[in-house]
Amino acid sequence: MSPGTGAALRLLAATLDAKAVAEIGTGTGVSGTYLLLGMRPDGVLTTVDTEPERQQFARQAFRAAGFAGNRARFIPGRALDVLPRLADGGYDLVFCDGDRLECLDYLAESLRLLRPGGLVCFEGMFADGRTVDGAAQPAEVLRVRELLRAVRESQDLLPTLLPVGDGLLCAVRR
């Protein structure tokens, strides 16, 4: 994740005065750290990843950044298995940085999880320039294009594509 993308996430979380954020794709904790920096002091980040060892790196990163252990809830597992167990309308922001082939499913789950006025964000929407490249593309890039189209055409979302990092798609749930 680029510093620009992280700064945008921090700003968006702060603008929402986010108390509850869900993250798909914990990674090593970089995005989660930015999100926590923007969230309310009593906010909780719920982060999902298929790799428990990544979550251990993130736990260490959050601790090193000075966050109390109760500020993050780590749930190991496949996002599409975990997300249905999370509370409807219980989240201010959902950040998606998981499997691009599942991004349309993440969008559907995000709409269920978000409160009205909440925000869904997807990282990597430029796909290293391949999203707009006319050449034949792999399935993941085609799926990103479908996601961009679905968000643009949705009556439930007010979207924008921020040109930070590899593209940050953000949409407010109406």
Protein backbone atom coordinates (compact mmCIF):
# COMPACT_ATOMS: atom_id res chain seq x y z
CA MET A 1 0.00 0.00 0.00
CA SER A 2 1.32 3.41 -0.95
CA PRO A 3 1.62 6.19 1.64
CA GLY A 4 -0.91 8.19 -0.41
CA THR A 5 -3.48 5.42 -0.23
CA GLY A 6 -2.86 5.03 3.48
CA ALA A 7 -3.24 8.77 4.06
CA ALA A 8 -6.52 8.73 2.12
CA LEU A 9 -7.84 5.85 4.24
CA ARG A 10 -6.80 7.62 7.44
CA LEU A 11 -8.60 10.78 6.29
CA LEU A 12 -11.74 8.90 5.27
CA ALA A 13 -11.91 7.05 8.59
CA ALA A 14 -11.47 10.34 10.46
CA THR A 15 -14.09 12.09 8.32
CA LEU A 16 -16.60 9.35 9.17
CA ASP A 17 -15.58 9.48 12.85
CA ALA A 18 -15.44 5.71 12.33
CA LYS A 19 -16.06 3.52 15.34
CA ALA A 20 -16.39 0.20 13.49
CA VAL A 21 -14.34 -0.70 10.41
CA ALA A 22 -14.13 -4.03 8.60
CA GLU A 23 -11.03 -4.88 6.58
CA ILE A 24 -10.84 -7.68 4.03
CA GLY A 25 -7.18 -8.65 3.68
CA THR A 26 -5.14 -7.96 6.81
CA GLY A 27 -1.79 -8.22 5.09
CA THR A 28 1.00 -7.16 7.44
CA GLY A 29 -1.06 -4.41 9.07
CA VAL A 30 -0.12 -1.38 6.97
CA SER A 31 -3.65 -0.51 5.87
CA GLY A 32 -5.04 -1.39 9.30
CA THR A 33 -2.59 0.97 10.97
CA TYR A 34 -3.71 3.84 8.73
CA LEU A 35 -7.36 3.01 9.40
CA LEU A 36 -6.81 2.87 13.16
CA LEU A 37 -5.01 6.23 13.05
CA GLY A 38 -8.12 7.81 11.54
CA MET A 39 -10.69 6.04 13.69
CA ARG A 40 -12.12 7.22 16.97
CA PRO A 41 -10.00 6.36 20.03
CA ASP A 42 -12.62 3.78 21.05
CA GLY A 43 -13.01 2.38 17.53
CA VAL A 44 -12.47 -1.27 16.66
CA LEU A 45 -11.02 -2.63 13.42
CA THR A 46 -12.30 -6.08 12.44
CA THR A 47 -9.80 -7.60 10.04
CA VAL A 48 -10.17 -10.82 8.07
CA ASP A 49 -7.42 -12.78 6.32
CA THR A 50 -6.91 -16.35 5.18
CA GLU A 51 -3.34 -16.35 6.53
CA PRO A 52 -3.11 -16.35 10.35
CA GLU A 53 0.63 -15.58 10.19
CA ARG A 54 -0.13 -12.30 8.38
CA GLN A 55 -2.49 -11.43 11.17
CA GLN A 56 0.29 -12.08 13.66
CA PHE A 57 2.50 -9.57 11.81
CA ALA A 58 -0.37 -7.08 11.84
CA ARG A 59 -0.94 -7.61 15.57
CA GLN A 60 2.73 -6.77 16.17
CA ALA A 61 2.52 -3.72 13.87
CA PHE A 62 -0.53 -2.39 15.72
CA ARG A 63 1.18 -2.88 19.06
CA ALA A 64 4.35 -1.14 17.78
CA ALA A 65 2.18 1.78 16.61
CA GLY A 66 0.85 2.11 20.17
CA PHE A 67 -2.64 0.66 19.76
CA ALA A 68 -4.18 -1.29 22.62
CA GLY A 69 -4.93 -4.94 21.95
CA ASN A 70 -8.69 -4.35 22.12
CA ARG A 71 -8.60 -1.95 19.13
CA ALA A 72 -8.43 -4.80 16.58
CA ARG A 73 -10.36 -8.01 16.20
CA PHE A 74 -8.56 -10.59 14.05
CA ILE A 75 -10.68 -13.21 12.32
CA PRO A 76 -8.80 -15.84 10.32
CA GLY A 77 -10.62 -17.33 7.37
CA ARG A 78 -11.91 -16.74 3.89
CA ALA A 79 -13.72 -13.39 3.76
CA LEU A 80 -16.84 -14.78 2.09
CA ASP A 81 -17.17 -17.30 4.93
CA VAL A 82 -16.57 -14.73 7.68
CA LEU A 83 -18.44 -11.64 6.44
CA PRO A 84 -21.94 -13.18 6.64
CA ARG A 85 -21.40 -13.58 10.39
CA LEU A 86 -20.80 -9.83 10.89
CA ALA A 87 -23.61 -7.47 11.92
CA ASP A 88 -25.88 -5.92 9.29
CA GLY A 89 -25.48 -2.14 9.23
CA GLY A 90 -22.86 -2.31 11.98
CA TYR A 91 -19.91 -0.73 10.15
CA ASP A 92 -18.92 2.79 9.19
CA LEU A 93 -16.31 1.72 6.64
CA VAL A 94 -15.41 -1.50 4.82
CA PHE A 95 -11.97 -1.66 3.22
CA CYS A 96 -11.47 -4.39 0.60
CA ASP A 97 -7.99 -5.53 -0.34
CA GLY A 98 -8.60 -9.23 -0.83
CA ASP A 99 -8.97 -11.59 -3.76
CA ARG A 100 -9.91 -9.50 -6.82
CA LEU A 101 -11.89 -12.41 -8.24
CA GLU A 102 -14.26 -12.06 -5.27
CA CYS A 103 -14.60 -8.26 -5.37
CA LEU A 104 -18.24 -8.29 -6.56
CA ASP A 105 -19.14 -10.56 -3.65
CA TYR A 106 -17.25 -8.23 -1.30
CA LEU A 107 -19.33 -5.36 -2.63
CA ALA A 108 -22.59 -7.22 -1.91
CA GLU A 109 -21.45 -8.06 1.62
CA SER A 110 -20.23 -4.49 2.17
CA LEU A 111 -23.62 -3.05 1.27
CA ARG A 112 -25.16 -5.29 3.92
CA LEU A 113 -22.53 -4.44 6.53
CA LEU A 114 -22.52 -0.66 6.05
CA ARG A 115 -24.78 1.78 7.81
CA PRO A 116 -26.39 4.43 5.58
CA GLY A 117 -23.70 7.05 4.98
CA GLY A 118 -21.00 4.43 5.42
CA LEU A 119 -18.16 4.00 2.96
CA VAL A 120 -16.79 1.04 1.03
CA CYS A 121 -13.26 1.26 -0.44
CA PHE A 122 -11.41 -1.04 -2.82
CA GLU A 123 -7.64 -0.87 -3.30
CA GLY A 124 -5.79 -1.66 -6.54
CA MET A 125 -8.42 -0.56 -9.05
CA PHE A 126 -5.91 0.49 -11.71
CA ALA A 127 -4.42 -3.02 -11.64
CA ASP A 128 -1.03 -1.60 -12.63
CA GLY A 129 -2.59 0.11 -15.66
CA ARG A 130 -4.30 -3.02 -16.93
CA THR A 131 -7.83 -1.85 -16.09
CA VAL A 132 -7.79 0.59 -19.02
CA ASP A 133 -5.51 -1.43 -21.30
CA GLY A 134 -7.39 -2.69 -24.37
CA ALA A 135 -5.30 -5.86 -24.63
CA ALA A 136 -6.64 -9.22 -23.46
CA GLN A 137 -6.57 -9.30 -19.67
CA PRO A 138 -6.61 -11.98 -16.95
CA ALA A 139 -9.83 -12.80 -15.10
CA GLU A 140 -8.94 -10.63 -12.09
CA VAL A 141 -8.68 -7.50 -14.25
CA LEU A 142 -11.96 -8.31 -15.99
CA ARG A 143 -13.56 -8.70 -12.55
CA VAL A 144 -12.20 -5.29 -11.47
CA ARG A 145 -13.79 -3.77 -14.56
CA GLU A 146 -17.10 -5.42 -13.61
CA LEU A 147 -16.79 -4.00 -10.10
CA LEU A 148 -16.12 -0.49 -11.41
CA ARG A 149 -19.16 -0.76 -13.67
CA ALA A 150 -21.39 -2.14 -10.90
CA VAL A 151 -20.42 0.61 -8.47
CA ARG A 152 -20.85 3.32 -11.10
CA GLU A 153 -24.32 2.06 -12.06
CA SER A 154 -25.58 1.38 -8.53
CA GLN A 155 -28.42 3.56 -7.26
CA ASP A 156 -27.34 2.72 -3.70
CA LEU A 157 -23.84 4.19 -4.01
CA LEU A 158 -22.19 7.54 -4.65
CA PRO A 159 -18.72 6.60 -6.00
CA THR A 160 -15.39 8.18 -6.82
CA LEU A 161 -12.07 6.74 -7.96
CA LEU A 162 -9.16 8.38 -6.17
CA PRO A 163 -5.87 8.43 -8.12
CA VAL A 164 -3.69 7.42 -5.17
CA GLY A 165 -1.44 4.38 -5.18
CA ASP A 166 -2.86 1.82 -7.59
CA GLY A 167 -6.31 3.43 -7.47
CA LEU A 168 -8.70 3.64 -4.53
CA LEU A 169 -12.37 3.18 -5.38
CA CYS A 170 -14.60 4.69 -2.71
CA ALA A 171 -18.39 4.76 -2.56
CA VAL A 172 -20.81 6.11 0.03
CA ARG A 173 -23.85 3.98 0.77
CA ARG A 174 -26.93 6.16 0.37
